[in-house]
C-alpha atoms as a PDB file:
ATOM      1  CA  UNK A   1       4.102 -13.198 -24.720  1.00  0.00           C
ATOM      2  CA  UNK A   2       4.885 -13.472 -21.371  1.00  0.00           C
ATOM      3  CA  UNK A   3       5.919 -10.829 -18.505  1.00  0.00           C
ATOM      4  CA  UNK A   4       6.177 -10.917 -14.728  1.00  0.00           C
ATOM      5  CA  UNK A   5       4.247 -10.511 -11.724  1.00  0.00           C
ATOM      6  CA  UNK A   6       5.124  -7.369  -9.967  1.00  0.00           C
ATOM      7  CA  UNK A   7       5.242  -7.296  -6.385  1.00  0.00           C
ATOM      8  CA  UNK A   8       5.024  -3.997  -3.834  1.00  0.00           C
ATOM      9  CA  UNK A   9       6.088  -4.100  -0.206  1.00  0.00           C
ATOM     10  CA  UNK A  10       4.496  -1.670   2.244  1.00  0.00           C
ATOM     11  CA  UNK A  11       7.311  -0.676   4.290  1.00  0.00           C
ATOM     12  CA  UNK A  12       7.028   0.635   7.471  1.00  0.00           C
ATOM     13  CA  UNK A  13      10.531   2.452   7.852  1.00  0.00           C
ATOM     14  CA  UNK A  14      14.195   3.137   5.653  1.00  0.00           C
ATOM     15  CA  UNK A  15      15.276  -0.163   7.198  1.00  0.00           C
ATOM     16  CA  UNK A  16      12.130  -2.159   5.911  1.00  0.00           C
ATOM     17  CA  UNK A  17      12.207  -0.390   2.506  1.00  0.00           C
ATOM     18  CA  UNK A  18      15.898  -2.017   2.377  1.00  0.00           C
ATOM     19  CA  UNK A  19      14.770  -5.368   3.428  1.00  0.00           C
ATOM     20  CA  UNK A  20      12.135  -5.158   0.849  1.00  0.00           C
ATOM     21  CA  UNK A  21      14.870  -4.621  -1.605  1.00  0.00           C
ATOM     22  CA  UNK A  22      16.993  -6.860  -0.914  1.00  0.00           C
ATOM     23  CA  UNK A  23      13.720  -9.842  -0.808  1.00  0.00           C
ATOM     24  CA  UNK A  24      13.491  -9.029  -4.346  1.00  0.00           C
ATOM     25  CA  UNK A  25      10.825  -7.211  -3.851  1.00  0.00           C
ATOM     26  CA  UNK A  26      10.035  -4.766  -7.725  1.00  0.00           C
ATOM     27  CA  UNK A  27       8.375  -2.106  -5.308  1.00  0.00           C
ATOM     28  CA  UNK A  28       8.217  -0.243  -2.137  1.00  0.00           C
ATOM     29  CA  UNK A  29       5.297   1.604  -0.464  1.00  0.00           C
ATOM     30  CA  UNK A  30       6.430   3.751   2.409  1.00  0.00           C
ATOM     31  CA  UNK A  31       4.808   4.486   5.412  1.00  0.00           C
ATOM     32  CA  UNK A  32       4.689   5.052   9.037  1.00  0.00           C
ATOM     33  CA  UNK A  33       2.417   3.734  11.670  1.00  0.00           C
ATOM     34  CA  UNK A  34       1.377   0.972   9.825  1.00  0.00           C
ATOM     35  CA  UNK A  35      -0.583  -0.996  13.383  1.00  0.00           C
ATOM     36  CA  UNK A  36      -2.497   2.026  12.083  1.00  0.00           C
ATOM     37  CA  UNK A  37      -3.236   0.930   8.824  1.00  0.00           C
ATOM     38  CA  UNK A  38      -0.366   3.643   7.331  1.00  0.00           C
ATOM     39  CA  UNK A  39       0.442   7.152   7.712  1.00  0.00           C
ATOM     40  CA  UNK A  40       2.423   9.628   5.480  1.00  0.00           C
ATOM     41  CA  UNK A  41       5.489   9.024   6.219  1.00  0.00           C
ATOM     42  CA  UNK A  42       8.351  11.861   7.360  1.00  0.00           C
ATOM     43  CA  UNK A  43      10.172  14.206   4.728  1.00  0.00           C
ATOM     44  CA  UNK A  44      13.857  12.193   6.127  1.00  0.00           C
ATOM     45  CA  UNK A  45      12.238   8.410   5.610  1.00  0.00           C
ATOM     46  CA  UNK A  46      11.025   9.698   2.646  1.00  0.00           C
ATOM     47  CA  UNK A  47      14.418  10.991   1.488  1.00  0.00           C
ATOM     48  CA  UNK A  48      16.814   8.194   3.293  1.00  0.00           C
ATOM     49  CA  UNK A  49      14.636   5.668   1.392  1.00  0.00           C
ATOM     50  CA  UNK A  50      15.341   7.510  -1.785  1.00  0.00           C
ATOM     51  CA  UNK A  51      18.644   8.210  -1.773  1.00  0.00           C
ATOM     52  CA  UNK A  52      19.358   3.906  -0.908  1.00  0.00           C
ATOM     53  CA  UNK A  53      16.573   2.619  -3.118  1.00  0.00           C
ATOM     54  CA  UNK A  54      16.831   1.249  -6.115  1.00  0.00           C
ATOM     55  CA  UNK A  55      13.520  -0.140  -6.911  1.00  0.00           C
ATOM     56  CA  UNK A  56      10.130   1.770  -7.269  1.00  0.00           C
ATOM     57  CA  UNK A  57       9.158   4.250  -4.665  1.00  0.00           C
ATOM     58  CA  UNK A  58       5.569   4.740  -3.493  1.00  0.00           C
ATOM     59  CA  UNK A  59       4.416   7.171  -0.945  1.00  0.00           C
ATOM     60  CA  UNK A  60       1.378   6.909   1.396  1.00  0.00           C
ATOM     61  CA  UNK A  61      -0.017  10.183   1.637  1.00  0.00           C
ATOM     62  CA  UNK A  62      -2.547   9.627   4.814  1.00  0.00           C
ATOM     63  CA  UNK A  63      -2.559  12.788   6.975  1.00  0.00           C
ATOM     64  CA  UNK A  64      -3.919  10.347  10.449  1.00  0.00           C
ATOM     65  CA  UNK A  65      -5.194   6.582  11.126  1.00  0.00           C
ATOM     66  CA  UNK A  66      -9.474   6.816  11.091  1.00  0.00           C
ATOM     67  CA  UNK A  67     -11.455   7.062   8.578  1.00  0.00           C
ATOM     68  CA  UNK A  68     -10.694   8.293   4.754  1.00  0.00           C
ATOM     69  CA  UNK A  69     -13.650  11.502   5.569  1.00  0.00           C
ATOM     70  CA  UNK A  70     -10.958  15.095   5.666  1.00  0.00           C
ATOM     71  CA  UNK A  71     -11.549  18.000   6.319  1.00  0.00           C
ATOM     72  CA  UNK A  72     -10.607  21.425   4.505  1.00  0.00           C
ATOM     73  CA  UNK A  73      -7.699  21.120   6.113  1.00  0.00           C
ATOM     74  CA  UNK A  74      -6.856  18.092   5.829  1.00  0.00           C
ATOM     75  CA  UNK A  75      -7.073  17.555   2.283  1.00  0.00           C
ATOM     76  CA  UNK A  76      -4.885  21.045   2.097  1.00  0.00           C
ATOM     77  CA  UNK A  77      -2.213  19.274   4.110  1.00  0.00           C
ATOM     78  CA  UNK A  78      -2.983  15.506   1.795  1.00  0.00           C
ATOM     79  CA  UNK A  79      -1.964  18.349  -1.501  1.00  0.00           C
ATOM     80  CA  UNK A  80       1.280  19.756   0.616  1.00  0.00           C
ATOM     81  CA  UNK A  81       2.339  16.159   1.039  1.00  0.00           C
ATOM     82  CA  UNK A  82       1.764  14.819  -1.884  1.00  0.00           C
ATOM     83  CA  UNK A  83       4.059  17.870  -3.825  1.00  0.00           C
ATOM     84  CA  UNK A  84       6.481  16.995  -1.097  1.00  0.00           C
ATOM     85  CA  UNK A  85       7.004  13.389  -2.253  1.00  0.00           C
ATOM     86  CA  UNK A  86       7.828  14.380  -5.270  1.00  0.00           C
ATOM     87  CA  UNK A  87      10.324  16.391  -4.580  1.00  0.00           C
ATOM     88  CA  UNK A  88      11.898  13.835  -2.551  1.00  0.00           C
ATOM     89  CA  UNK A  89      11.687  11.514  -5.974  1.00  0.00           C
ATOM     90  CA  UNK A  90       8.460   9.276  -5.111  1.00  0.00           C
ATOM     91  CA  UNK A  91       7.800   7.119  -8.121  1.00  0.00           C
ATOM     92  CA  UNK A  92       4.420   6.878  -7.294  1.00  0.00           C
ATOM     93  CA  UNK A  93       1.500   8.368  -4.890  1.00  0.00           C
ATOM     94  CA  UNK A  94      -1.116   6.383  -2.538  1.00  0.00           C
ATOM     95  CA  UNK A  95      -3.877   7.756  -1.655  1.00  0.00           C
ATOM     96  CA  UNK A  96      -7.434   8.256  -1.523  1.00  0.00           C
ATOM     97  CA  UNK A  97     -10.875   9.558   0.105  1.00  0.00           C
ATOM     98  CA  UNK A  98     -14.495   8.961   0.758  1.00  0.00           C
ATOM     99  CA  UNK A  99     -18.082  10.770   0.889  1.00  0.00           C
ATOM    100  CA  UNK A 100     -19.442  10.879   3.770  1.00  0.00           C
ATOM    101  CA  UNK A 101     -22.196   8.168   2.337  1.00  0.00           C
ATOM    102  CA  UNK A 102     -18.928   6.025   1.451  1.00  0.00           C
ATOM    103  CA  UNK A 103     -18.497   7.005  -2.052  1.00  0.00           C
ATOM    104  CA  UNK A 104     -15.638   7.151  -3.533  1.00  0.00           C
ATOM    105  CA  UNK A 105     -15.240  11.350  -3.345  1.00  0.00           C
ATOM    106  CA  UNK A 106     -14.506  11.583  -7.438  1.00  0.00           C
ATOM    107  CA  UNK A 107     -13.848  15.560  -7.665  1.00  0.00           C
ATOM    108  CA  UNK A 108     -11.244  15.540  -4.643  1.00  0.00           C
ATOM    109  CA  UNK A 109      -9.402  12.376  -5.510  1.00  0.00           C
ATOM    110  CA  UNK A 110      -8.985  13.266  -9.369  1.00  0.00           C
ATOM    111  CA  UNK A 111      -7.672  16.680  -8.098  1.00  0.00           C
ATOM    112  CA  UNK A 112      -4.874  14.706  -6.181  1.00  0.00           C
ATOM    113  CA  UNK A 113      -4.438  12.222  -9.089  1.00  0.00           C
ATOM    114  CA  UNK A 114      -3.691  15.748 -11.330  1.00  0.00           C
ATOM    115  CA  UNK A 115      -1.542  16.980  -8.479  1.00  0.00           C
ATOM    116  CA  UNK A 116       0.447  13.588  -8.322  1.00  0.00           C
ATOM    117  CA  UNK A 117       1.350  13.413 -12.727  1.00  0.00           C
ATOM    118  CA  UNK A 118       3.034  12.305 -13.824  1.00  0.00           C
ATOM    119  CA  UNK A 119       3.586  10.215 -11.668  1.00  0.00           C
ATOM    120  CA  UNK A 120       1.797   6.808 -10.662  1.00  0.00           C
ATOM    121  CA  UNK A 121      -1.768   7.133  -8.160  1.00  0.00           C
ATOM    122  CA  UNK A 122      -3.024   4.266  -5.853  1.00  0.00           C
ATOM    123  CA  UNK A 123      -5.913   4.618  -4.742  1.00  0.00           C
ATOM    124  CA  UNK A 124      -5.810   2.880  -1.579  1.00  0.00           C
ATOM    125  CA  UNK A 125      -7.960   0.044   0.747  1.00  0.00           C
ATOM    126  CA  UNK A 126      -9.964   2.891   1.682  1.00  0.00           C
ATOM    127  CA  UNK A 127     -11.760   1.481  -1.665  1.00  0.00           C
ATOM    128  CA  UNK A 128     -12.319  -1.297   0.726  1.00  0.00           C
ATOM    129  CA  UNK A 129     -14.891   0.459   3.018  1.00  0.00           C
ATOM    130  CA  UNK A 130     -17.125   2.400   0.103  1.00  0.00           C
ATOM    131  CA  UNK A 131     -20.319   0.140   0.107  1.00  0.00           C
ATOM    132  CA  UNK A 132     -20.939  -0.893  -4.040  1.00  0.00           C
ATOM    133  CA  UNK A 133     -16.918  -2.486  -4.961  1.00  0.00           C
ATOM    134  CA  UNK A 134     -18.281  -2.291  -8.975  1.00  0.00           C
ATOM    135  CA  UNK A 135     -19.538   1.398  -8.457  1.00  0.00           C
ATOM    136  CA  UNK A 136     -16.206   2.569  -6.513  1.00  0.00           C
ATOM    137  CA  UNK A 137     -13.867   1.097  -9.315  1.00  0.00           C
ATOM    138  CA  UNK A 138     -15.597   2.771 -11.438  1.00  0.00           C
ATOM    139  CA  UNK A 139     -15.390   5.744  -9.851  1.00  0.00           C
ATOM    140  CA  UNK A 140     -11.881   5.097  -9.588  1.00  0.00           C
ATOM    141  CA  UNK A 141     -10.605   4.620 -12.778  1.00  0.00           C
ATOM    142  CA  UNK A 142     -12.570   8.179 -13.651  1.00  0.00           C
ATOM    143  CA  UNK A 143     -10.579   9.475 -11.018  1.00  0.00           C
ATOM    144  CA  UNK A 144      -7.687   8.837 -13.357  1.00  0.00           C
ATOM    145  CA  UNK A 145      -6.088   6.902 -10.454  1.00  0.00           C
ATOM    146  CA  UNK A 146      -3.080   3.952 -11.852  1.00  0.00           C
ATOM    147  CA  UNK A 147      -3.885   1.160  -9.463  1.00  0.00           C
ATOM    148  CA  UNK A 148      -6.252   0.093  -7.537  1.00  0.00           C
ATOM    149  CA  UNK A 149      -4.945  -1.444  -4.157  1.00  0.00           C
ATOM    150  CA  UNK A 150      -8.041  -3.674  -2.902  1.00  0.00           C
ATOM    151  CA  UNK A 151      -8.671  -7.066  -0.016  1.00  0.00           C
ATOM    152  CA  UNK A 152     -11.970  -7.534  -2.089  1.00  0.00           C
ATOM    153  CA  UNK A 153     -13.694  -5.562   1.281  1.00  0.00           C
ATOM    154  CA  UNK A 154     -12.605  -8.463   3.398  1.00  0.00           C
ATOM    155  CA  UNK A 155      -9.791  -7.997   6.580  1.00  0.00           C
ATOM    156  CA  UNK A 156      -7.234 -10.970   4.333  1.00  0.00           C
ATOM    157  CA  UNK A 157      -7.489 -10.686   0.933  1.00  0.00           C
ATOM    158  CA  UNK A 158      -7.375 -14.746   0.612  1.00  0.00           C
ATOM    159  CA  UNK A 159     -10.817 -14.353   2.161  1.00  0.00           C
ATOM    160  CA  UNK A 160     -11.698 -11.863  -0.830  1.00  0.00           C
ATOM    161  CA  UNK A 161     -10.393 -14.374  -3.938  1.00  0.00           C
ATOM    162  CA  UNK A 162     -14.173 -14.461  -4.713  1.00  0.00           C
ATOM    163  CA  UNK A 163     -14.581 -10.253  -5.390  1.00  0.00           C
ATOM    164  CA  UNK A 164     -11.175  -9.495  -5.980  1.00  0.00           C
ATOM    165  CA  UNK A 165     -11.759 -12.333  -9.446  1.00  0.00           C
ATOM    166  CA  UNK A 166     -14.779  -9.710 -10.421  1.00  0.00           C
ATOM    167  CA  UNK A 167     -13.694  -6.334  -9.808  1.00  0.00           C
ATOM    168  CA  UNK A 168     -10.325  -7.972 -11.988  1.00  0.00           C
ATOM    169  CA  UNK A 169     -12.489  -9.207 -14.676  1.00  0.00           C
ATOM    170  CA  UNK A 170     -14.741  -6.056 -14.728  1.00  0.00           C
ATOM    171  CA  UNK A 171     -11.422  -3.334 -14.500  1.00  0.00           C
ATOM    172  CA  UNK A 172      -9.924  -4.738 -17.528  1.00  0.00           C
ATOM    173  CA  UNK A 173      -7.119  -3.051 -18.815  1.00  0.00           C
ATOM    174  CA  UNK A 174      -8.355   0.041 -16.795  1.00  0.00           C
ATOM    175  CA  UNK A 175      -6.665  -0.394 -14.152  1.00  0.00           C
ATOM    176  CA  UNK A 176      -4.363  -2.259 -12.187  1.00  0.00           C
ATOM    177  CA  UNK A 177      -5.860  -4.386  -9.722  1.00  0.00           C
ATOM    178  CA  UNK A 178      -3.892  -5.381  -7.143  1.00  0.00           C
ATOM    179  CA  UNK A 179      -4.374  -7.578  -4.205  1.00  0.00           C
ATOM    180  CA  UNK A 180      -3.097  -6.686  -0.823  1.00  0.00           C
ATOM    181  CA  UNK A 181      -3.944  -7.119   2.943  1.00  0.00           C
ATOM    182  CA  UNK A 182      -2.438 -10.351   4.497  1.00  0.00           C
ATOM    183  CA  UNK A 183      -0.180 -11.873   1.693  1.00  0.00           C
ATOM    184  CA  UNK A 184       2.201 -14.318   2.454  1.00  0.00           C
ATOM    185  CA  UNK A 185       3.589 -17.280   0.888  1.00  0.00           C
ATOM    186  CA  UNK A 186       0.739 -19.246   2.422  1.00  0.00           C
ATOM    187  CA  UNK A 187      -2.015 -17.243   0.566  1.00  0.00           C
ATOM    188  CA  UNK A 188       0.205 -16.221  -3.073  1.00  0.00           C
ATOM    189  CA  UNK A 189      -1.293 -18.590  -4.719  1.00  0.00           C
ATOM    190  CA  UNK A 190      -5.146 -18.914  -3.923  1.00  0.00           C
ATOM    191  CA  UNK A 191      -4.418 -15.000  -4.832  1.00  0.00           C
ATOM    192  CA  UNK A 192      -2.591 -15.735  -8.369  1.00  0.00           C
ATOM    193  CA  UNK A 193      -5.982 -17.443  -9.548  1.00  0.00           C
ATOM    194  CA  UNK A 194      -7.558 -13.710  -9.304  1.00  0.00           C
ATOM    195  CA  UNK A 195      -5.971 -12.885 -12.287  1.00  0.00           C
ATOM    196  CA  UNK A 196      -4.084  -9.945 -10.618  1.00  0.00           C
ATOM    197  CA  UNK A 197      -0.867  -8.948 -12.084  1.00  0.00           C
ATOM    198  CA  UNK A 198       0.796  -7.018  -8.680  1.00  0.00           C
ATOM    199  CA  UNK A 199       0.702  -7.297  -5.436  1.00  0.00           C
ATOM    200  CA  UNK A 200       0.743  -5.876  -1.764  1.00  0.00           C
ATOM    201  CA  UNK A 201       2.615  -7.241   0.819  1.00  0.00           C
ATOM    202  CA  UNK A 202       4.050  -5.693   4.004  1.00  0.00           C
ATOM    203  CA  UNK A 203       6.202  -9.434   5.172  1.00  0.00           C
ATOM    204  CA  UNK A 204       6.582  -7.895   8.770  1.00  0.00           C
ATOM    205  CA  UNK A 205       8.345 -10.128  11.415  1.00  0.00           C
ATOM    206  CA  UNK A 206       8.321  -8.627  15.077  1.00  0.00           C
ATOM    207  CA  UNK A 207      12.085  -7.555  16.157  1.00  0.00           C
ATOM    208  CA  UNK A 208      13.230  -7.202  19.657  1.00  0.00           C
ATOM    209  CA  UNK A 209      14.972  -4.015  20.737  1.00  0.00           C
ATOM    210  CA  UNK A 210      18.795  -4.283  22.008  1.00  0.00           C
ATOM    211  CA  UNK A 211      17.770  -2.546  25.109  1.00  0.00           C
ATOM    212  CA  UNK A 212      19.753  -3.790  27.475  1.00  0.00           C
ATOM    213  CA  UNK A 213      17.986  -1.459  30.516  1.00  0.00           C
ATOM    214  CA  UNK A 214      13.799  -1.787  30.113  1.00  0.00           C
ATOM    215  CA  UNK A 215      11.937   0.526  32.028  1.00  0.00           C
ATOM    216  CA  UNK A 216       8.126  -1.075  32.399  1.00  0.00           C
ATOM    217  CA  UNK A 217       6.529   1.092  31.551  1.00  0.00           C
ATOM    218  CA  UNK A 218       4.074   2.233  28.254  1.00  0.00           C
ATOM    219  CA  UNK A 219       4.579   5.290  26.112  1.00  0.00           C
ATOM    220  CA  UNK A 220       0.973   4.508  25.021  1.00  0.00           C
ATOM    221  CA  UNK A 221      -2.458   3.112  26.128  1.00  0.00           C
ATOM    222  CA  UNK A 222      -2.549   0.245  23.425  1.00  0.00           C
ATOM    223  CA  UNK A 223       1.121  -0.903  23.949  1.00  0.00           C
ATOM    224  CA  UNK A 224       1.366  -4.221  25.185  1.00  0.00           C
ATOM    225  CA  UNK A 225       5.050  -3.530  24.766  1.00  0.00           C
ATOM    226  CA  UNK A 226       7.777  -0.891  23.468  1.00  0.00           C
ATOM    227  CA  UNK A 227      10.308  -2.985  23.165  1.00  0.00           C
ATOM    228  CA  UNK A 228       9.706  -4.474  20.163  1.00  0.00           C
ATOM    229  CA  UNK A 229       8.629  -3.377  16.501  1.00  0.00           C
ATOM    230  CA  UNK A 230       7.878  -4.507  13.496  1.00  0.00           C
ATOM    231  CA  UNK A 231       9.788  -4.932  10.490  1.00  0.00           C
ATOM    232  CA  UNK A 232       9.572  -6.219   6.581  1.00  0.00           C
ATOM    233  CA  UNK A 233      11.286  -9.485   7.024  1.00  0.00           C
ATOM    234  CA  UNK A 234      13.940 -10.515   4.048  1.00  0.00           C
ATOM    235  CA  UNK A 235      12.855 -13.996   4.432  1.00  0.00           C
ATOM    236  CA  UNK A 236       9.126 -13.745   4.452  1.00  0.00           C
ATOM    237  CA  UNK A 237       9.281 -11.302   1.321  1.00  0.00           C
ATOM    238  CA  UNK A 238      11.303 -13.472  -0.143  1.00  0.00           C
ATOM    239  CA  UNK A 239       9.253 -16.168   0.094  1.00  0.00           C
ATOM    240  CA  UNK A 240       6.754 -14.660  -2.202  1.00  0.00           C
ATOM    241  CA  UNK A 241       9.128 -13.009  -4.404  1.00  0.00           C
ATOM    242  CA  UNK A 242      10.293 -17.139  -4.937  1.00  0.00           C
ATOM    243  CA  UNK A 243       6.873 -17.547  -6.448  1.00  0.00           C
ATOM    244  CA  UNK A 244       5.907 -15.068  -8.841  1.00  0.00           C
ATOM    245  CA  UNK A 245       9.589 -15.811  -9.832  1.00  0.00           C
ATOM    246  CA  UNK A 246       8.019 -19.359 -11.058  1.00  0.00           C
ATOM    247  CA  UNK A 247       5.141 -18.368 -12.530  1.00  0.00           C
ATOM    248  CA  UNK A 248       4.129 -16.303 -16.001  1.00  0.00           C
ATOM    249  CA  UNK A 249       1.491 -14.963 -16.434  1.00  0.00           C
ATOM    250  CA  UNK A 250      -0.189 -12.934 -20.199  1.00  0.00           C
ATOM    251  CA  UNK A 251       0.986  -9.637 -20.662  1.00  0.00           C
END
């Protein structure tokens, strides 16, 4: 029996989410501040995306950039954001917490999974910062998460193909392994070989501002140009959709 591959697009705005849908993506992971690895999107961003999307909508819950070791206050914030995302119609929650030693925080993540129920729960790339990926996989499964997003503990998923393949075999059908980071039409073929059936990409492209007047100052220290921004690109996403659509995978 055959079933299609699933492509999830990490969208950093309502427009990016719309572009993902136009391109043929099957699901959106909504976030903001993609240049910082993604943070929790605003309530307005979630609501407007939900209003305009017919495909599934997952919401990243990450209170700040940086590591994945969260204080009690941050943990409470995460729980509040999950409750709000559910009320706004999200189909899934994307989150993850680590302990000081880098291992998966099973207890607190499990609490978030239970709070998210009946929505799907993706443990995100916090996994890639754990010391032992095979132990971490078993820990994530223990939390009850339905999906695991990973780049194979490399900066780009194509560099982590060997580890991803091993993790897919270890996971069997206990959790959905989803390779992500740097996926494009140039790399998707190698990632299909891992045995994964779901993939995660942003497909962003730099967009030039339509401002006629541009002041030569910067809003933040690390900004090279405040008159451009990144947005998910229909063509880049559709290229991957077409490749996946031409192939089949065992169900």
